[in-house]
Protein backbone atom coordinates (compact mmCIF):
# COMPACT_ATOMS: atom_id res chain seq x y z
CA MET A 1 15.26 -22.61 67.32
CA THR A 2 12.89 -25.54 65.71
CA THR A 3 9.62 -26.44 67.06
CA SER A 4 10.48 -29.44 68.98
CA ASN A 5 12.58 -26.95 71.45
CA LEU A 6 9.91 -24.24 71.67
CA ASN A 7 9.27 -25.97 75.50
CA SER A 8 12.67 -26.87 76.29
CA ALA A 9 15.69 -25.79 78.14
CA LEU A 10 19.31 -25.78 78.92
CA LEU A 11 20.14 -25.96 82.63
CA LEU A 12 24.10 -25.40 83.38
CA PHE A 13 24.39 -26.16 86.73
CA ALA A 14 27.22 -25.78 89.02
CA HIS A 15 28.52 -26.59 92.29
CA GLY A 16 27.94 -23.20 94.36
CA SER A 17 30.27 -21.48 96.79
CA SER A 18 30.20 -18.97 99.25
CA ASP A 19 32.61 -16.58 97.03
CA PRO A 20 30.18 -14.63 94.51
CA GLY A 21 33.49 -13.60 92.87
CA TRP A 22 33.96 -17.84 91.91
CA ALA A 23 30.58 -17.42 89.84
CA ALA A 24 32.11 -15.55 87.56
CA PRO A 25 33.09 -18.11 84.76
CA PHE A 26 30.15 -19.82 85.19
CA ILE A 27 28.10 -16.68 84.29
CA LYS A 28 30.78 -15.87 81.27
CA LEU A 29 29.99 -19.61 79.75
CA LYS A 30 26.08 -18.94 79.62
CA ALA A 31 26.41 -15.66 77.90
CA ALA A 32 28.61 -17.82 75.36
CA VAL A 33 26.15 -20.91 74.87
CA GLN A 34 23.48 -17.78 74.75
CA ALA A 35 25.49 -16.32 71.98
CA ARG A 36 25.79 -19.84 70.12
CA GLU A 37 22.07 -20.22 70.56
CA PRO A 38 20.25 -16.95 70.82
CA GLY A 39 17.10 -18.54 70.67
CA ARG A 40 17.65 -20.93 73.09
CA ILE A 41 16.77 -20.69 77.15
CA VAL A 42 19.56 -21.30 78.90
CA GLU A 43 19.42 -21.08 82.79
CA LEU A 44 22.56 -21.02 85.22
CA ALA A 45 22.12 -23.02 88.44
CA PHE A 46 23.88 -24.33 91.81
CA LEU A 47 24.03 -27.35 93.89
CA GLU A 48 24.58 -25.09 97.50
CA ARG A 49 25.46 -21.99 99.05
CA MET A 50 24.53 -20.11 95.44
CA GLU A 51 21.70 -18.71 94.08
CA PRO A 52 19.68 -19.22 91.76
CA SER A 53 19.02 -23.11 93.59
CA PHE A 54 18.24 -26.15 91.07
CA ASP A 55 14.64 -25.77 93.02
CA SER A 56 14.77 -22.12 92.10
CA ALA A 57 16.05 -22.13 88.37
CA VAL A 58 13.55 -25.22 87.65
CA THR A 59 10.75 -23.27 88.96
CA LYS A 60 11.65 -20.37 86.73
CA LEU A 61 12.34 -22.25 83.48
CA GLN A 62 8.45 -24.38 84.90
CA GLU A 63 6.71 -21.29 84.93
CA GLN A 64 7.85 -20.43 81.45
CA GLY A 65 6.29 -23.10 79.84
CA ILE A 66 9.18 -25.50 79.76
CA GLU A 67 8.77 -29.58 79.67
CA GLN A 68 11.92 -30.70 78.67
CA ILE A 69 15.30 -29.51 80.51
CA THR A 70 18.63 -30.61 79.44
CA VAL A 71 20.64 -30.58 82.72
CA ALA A 72 24.48 -29.65 81.82
CA PRO A 73 27.11 -30.53 84.67
CA ILE A 74 29.60 -28.25 85.42
CA PHE A 75 31.65 -30.61 86.86
CA LEU A 76 35.34 -31.98 85.72
CA ALA A 77 34.72 -35.28 87.26
CA ILE A 78 31.74 -37.49 88.77
CA GLY A 79 31.43 -37.52 92.74
CA GLY A 80 29.09 -38.00 94.99
CA HIS A 81 27.66 -34.64 93.72
CA MET A 82 26.88 -36.45 90.14
CA ARG A 83 26.65 -40.19 92.16
CA ASN A 84 23.80 -38.91 94.26
CA ASP A 85 22.70 -35.59 95.22
CA LEU A 86 21.82 -34.76 91.43
CA PRO A 87 19.82 -37.59 90.42
CA LYS A 88 18.06 -37.03 94.08
CA LEU A 89 17.53 -33.44 93.40
CA ILE A 90 16.20 -34.91 89.06
CA GLU A 91 13.98 -37.33 90.64
CA GLU A 92 12.57 -35.05 93.40
CA THR A 93 11.90 -32.12 90.57
CA GLN A 94 10.52 -34.26 87.88
CA ARG A 95 8.39 -36.31 90.60
CA ARG A 96 6.90 -32.73 91.56
CA THR A 97 6.93 -31.00 88.04
CA GLY A 98 6.44 -33.34 85.19
CA ILE A 99 9.11 -31.73 83.45
CA THR A 100 11.31 -34.32 81.56
CA PHE A 101 14.92 -34.06 81.98
CA ARG A 102 18.54 -35.44 79.86
CA VAL A 103 21.49 -35.02 81.63
CA LEU A 104 24.43 -34.47 79.83
CA PRO A 105 28.23 -36.28 81.35
CA ALA A 106 30.29 -34.13 83.40
CA LEU A 107 32.78 -31.84 81.63
CA GLY A 108 35.48 -33.99 82.55
CA GLU A 109 34.03 -36.83 80.87
CA ALA A 110 34.13 -34.51 77.16
CA ASP A 111 37.42 -35.95 75.15
CA ILE A 112 37.61 -32.68 73.68
CA LEU A 113 37.64 -30.09 76.65
CA ILE A 114 40.44 -33.07 78.65
CA THR A 115 42.32 -31.98 74.71
CA ALA A 116 41.57 -28.15 74.85
CA ILE A 117 43.07 -28.19 78.92
CA ALA A 118 45.89 -30.62 77.73
CA ASP A 119 47.05 -27.81 75.49
CA TRP A 120 46.35 -24.93 77.48
CA VAL A 121 48.37 -26.69 80.23
CA THR A 122 50.80 -27.52 77.93
CA SER A 123 51.29 -24.15 76.40
CA ALA A 124 50.53 -21.96 79.81
CA ALA A 125 53.57 -24.27 81.29
CA ARG A 126 55.79 -23.51 78.66
């Protein structure tokens, strides 16, 4: 980890569900990210119905001295949550904490992911 990353973190942000098993792929994703960058602080948060919430995760990171958070929205498409809810959460949290946020595009906007899904679907459907 470089010096510039000492007070930064990555926050994986997903929708949430009332089914606890729904979170399993996101927990697996968090572990995969941490395995690729062992020195990086990585947290997982949910918009609704699951913990930790966005606010809880950011509070935890702030308590660790984090000043910059990159939010990776684990959403396949941009809808109301990406257009309205996430920007509002970030604005309110930034005002309250002073933390700087950077938001990555939704997963579904990444060409590499679309290609990987298309490859998997065509292979699995054979």
